[in-house]
Protein backbone atom coordinates (compact mmCIF):
# COMPACT_ATOMS: atom_id res chain seq x y z
CA UNK A 1 20.81 -22.02 -66.57
CA UNK A 2 19.36 -21.84 -63.19
CA UNK A 3 21.48 -21.27 -60.04
CA UNK A 4 22.07 -24.41 -57.76
CA UNK A 5 20.86 -23.99 -54.24
CA UNK A 6 23.60 -23.82 -51.80
CA UNK A 7 23.72 -26.88 -49.74
CA UNK A 8 23.46 -26.10 -46.07
CA UNK A 9 25.70 -28.05 -43.90
CA UNK A 10 24.56 -29.69 -40.62
CA UNK A 11 20.99 -29.77 -39.19
CA UNK A 12 18.51 -27.37 -38.21
CA UNK A 13 17.51 -26.99 -34.48
CA UNK A 14 13.84 -26.40 -34.31
CA UNK A 15 14.18 -25.14 -30.81
CA UNK A 16 16.97 -22.41 -31.13
CA UNK A 17 16.33 -21.96 -35.03
CA UNK A 18 19.90 -22.35 -35.99
CA UNK A 19 21.90 -24.53 -38.42
CA UNK A 20 24.49 -26.42 -36.49
CA UNK A 21 27.17 -28.93 -37.22
CA UNK A 22 26.22 -32.62 -37.10
CA UNK A 23 28.66 -32.94 -33.96
CA UNK A 24 26.14 -30.53 -32.10
CA UNK A 25 23.50 -33.22 -32.29
CA UNK A 26 23.20 -36.36 -30.32
CA UNK A 27 22.07 -39.62 -32.03
CA UNK A 28 18.17 -39.07 -31.34
CA UNK A 29 18.75 -35.12 -31.84
CA UNK A 30 19.25 -35.48 -35.59
CA UNK A 31 15.96 -37.11 -35.95
CA UNK A 32 14.08 -34.73 -33.43
CA UNK A 33 15.80 -31.67 -34.74
CA UNK A 34 16.91 -30.66 -31.32
CA UNK A 35 20.71 -29.76 -30.57
CA UNK A 36 22.55 -31.00 -27.49
CA UNK A 37 22.66 -27.65 -25.92
CA UNK A 38 18.64 -27.25 -26.20
CA UNK A 39 18.26 -30.63 -25.27
CA UNK A 40 20.18 -30.42 -21.99
CA UNK A 41 18.47 -27.03 -21.19
CA UNK A 42 15.12 -28.74 -21.54
CA UNK A 43 16.25 -31.65 -19.56
CA UNK A 44 17.48 -29.46 -16.72
CA UNK A 45 13.92 -28.17 -16.34
CA UNK A 46 13.87 -25.05 -18.63
CA UNK A 47 10.81 -24.55 -20.61
CA UNK A 48 11.46 -24.54 -24.47
CA UNK A 49 9.74 -21.25 -24.89
CA UNK A 50 12.30 -19.72 -22.37
CA UNK A 51 15.09 -20.86 -24.85
CA UNK A 52 13.46 -19.79 -28.02
CA UNK A 53 14.03 -16.31 -29.17
CA UNK A 54 10.44 -16.26 -30.46
CA UNK A 55 7.61 -18.85 -30.30
CA UNK A 56 7.46 -21.77 -32.70
CA UNK A 57 4.98 -20.98 -35.56
CA UNK A 58 1.84 -22.72 -35.14
CA UNK A 59 0.69 -24.45 -38.28
CA UNK A 60 -2.56 -23.13 -39.54
CA UNK A 61 -4.65 -23.27 -42.48
CA UNK A 62 -3.71 -20.85 -45.28
CA UNK A 63 -6.59 -19.10 -47.52
CA UNK A 64 -6.02 -18.82 -51.12
CA UNK A 65 -6.08 -15.32 -52.83
CA UNK A 66 -9.10 -16.12 -54.95
CA UNK A 67 -11.11 -17.28 -51.95
CA UNK A 68 -11.07 -13.69 -50.42
CA UNK A 69 -14.27 -11.62 -50.64
CA UNK A 70 -14.46 -8.14 -52.03
CA UNK A 71 -14.04 -6.32 -48.79
CA UNK A 72 -11.17 -8.56 -47.82
CA UNK A 73 -9.43 -7.78 -51.17
CA UNK A 74 -9.93 -4.12 -50.55
CA UNK A 75 -8.19 -4.29 -47.05
CA UNK A 76 -5.35 -6.15 -48.54
CA UNK A 77 -4.97 -3.56 -51.41
CA UNK A 78 -4.85 -0.83 -48.74
CA UNK A 79 -1.86 -2.66 -46.89
CA UNK A 80 -0.10 -3.00 -50.07
CA UNK A 81 -0.47 0.62 -51.06
CA UNK A 82 0.67 1.86 -47.50
CA UNK A 83 3.62 -0.54 -47.25
CA UNK A 84 4.73 0.35 -50.88
CA UNK A 85 4.34 4.00 -50.12
CA UNK A 86 6.55 4.00 -47.21
CA UNK A 87 9.18 1.86 -49.08
CA UNK A 88 9.19 4.24 -51.98
CA UNK A 89 9.45 7.24 -49.69
CA UNK A 90 12.44 5.64 -47.93
CA UNK A 91 14.34 4.10 -50.84
CA UNK A 92 13.09 5.79 -54.07
CA UNK A 93 13.20 2.22 -55.68
CA UNK A 94 10.78 -0.29 -57.09
CA UNK A 95 10.93 -3.27 -54.62
CA UNK A 96 12.51 -6.12 -56.52
CA UNK A 97 13.78 -9.64 -55.76
CA UNK A 98 14.60 -9.91 -52.15
CA UNK A 99 12.93 -6.53 -51.09
CA UNK A 100 9.81 -7.59 -52.95
CA UNK A 101 9.82 -10.90 -50.93
CA UNK A 102 10.31 -9.13 -47.68
CA UNK A 103 7.62 -6.61 -48.44
CA UNK A 104 5.12 -9.43 -49.38
CA UNK A 105 6.04 -11.42 -46.04
CA UNK A 106 5.48 -8.32 -43.98
CA UNK A 107 2.17 -7.63 -45.58
CA UNK A 108 0.86 -11.36 -45.36
CA UNK A 109 1.93 -11.09 -41.72
CA UNK A 110 0.26 -7.80 -41.14
CA UNK A 111 -2.78 -9.00 -42.83
CA UNK A 112 -2.98 -12.18 -40.71
CA UNK A 113 -2.58 -10.01 -37.54
CA UNK A 114 -5.18 -7.42 -38.59
CA UNK A 115 -7.86 -9.72 -40.22
CA UNK A 116 -7.11 -13.12 -38.73
CA UNK A 117 -6.56 -14.56 -42.18
CA UNK A 118 -3.26 -16.25 -43.25
CA UNK A 119 -2.94 -15.99 -46.89
CA UNK A 120 -1.14 -18.52 -49.07
CA UNK A 121 1.94 -17.21 -50.81
CA UNK A 122 0.90 -18.50 -54.21
CA UNK A 123 1.24 -17.18 -57.77
CA UNK A 124 -2.03 -15.30 -57.83
CA UNK A 125 -1.04 -13.39 -54.70
CA UNK A 126 2.25 -12.60 -56.04
CA UNK A 127 0.78 -11.25 -59.34
CA UNK A 128 -1.67 -9.08 -57.26
CA UNK A 129 1.05 -7.61 -55.28
CA UNK A 130 3.14 -6.94 -58.28
CA UNK A 131 0.16 -5.25 -60.03
CA UNK A 132 -0.73 -3.12 -57.16
CA UNK A 133 3.08 -2.21 -56.26
CA UNK A 134 3.44 -0.86 -59.81
CA UNK A 135 0.15 0.97 -59.82
CA UNK A 136 0.75 2.44 -56.19
CA UNK A 137 4.37 3.63 -57.50
CA UNK A 138 2.98 5.13 -60.82
CA UNK A 139 0.33 7.00 -58.66
CA UNK A 140 3.06 8.43 -56.42
CA UNK A 141 5.24 9.60 -59.57
CA UNK A 142 2.06 11.13 -61.05
CA UNK A 143 1.54 13.32 -57.71
CA UNK A 144 4.99 14.33 -57.72
CA UNK A 145 5.23 15.42 -61.56
CA UNK A 146 1.59 16.28 -62.55
CA UNK A 147 2.95 18.32 -65.70
CA UNK A 148 3.99 14.94 -67.12
CA UNK A 149 0.53 13.46 -67.54
CA UNK A 150 -0.31 13.13 -71.13
């Protein structure tokens, strides 16, 4: 049986990025997703960017993995190999579940910064990551134990 999602109490403030109790929002704050403290800071003349720990993400169009060209896929493969190699050398574990998701998000972000292409996190991309993660770790293991080749 699947796990039930834990219900988050309160509301999300899109300015400070926290989940806060219902009492921390004014009547209009609920609909605007802005808590009272952020609302009062904005009214006192502060810029929302000064309140935020990091800027709000800009909605950009995502690109599906299958739409990438041969060169773009090669760059992505290199990023995956590099990140998985670092992870393997630090932890000596295959990235699984949450660690795998964190690596995937990091690679998608790095790929976006370096190539200017925001990838859609879909099933094809996940399969590609899994395949190249396993391939990279197998190569690292073969380099460590060349006598085990058979």
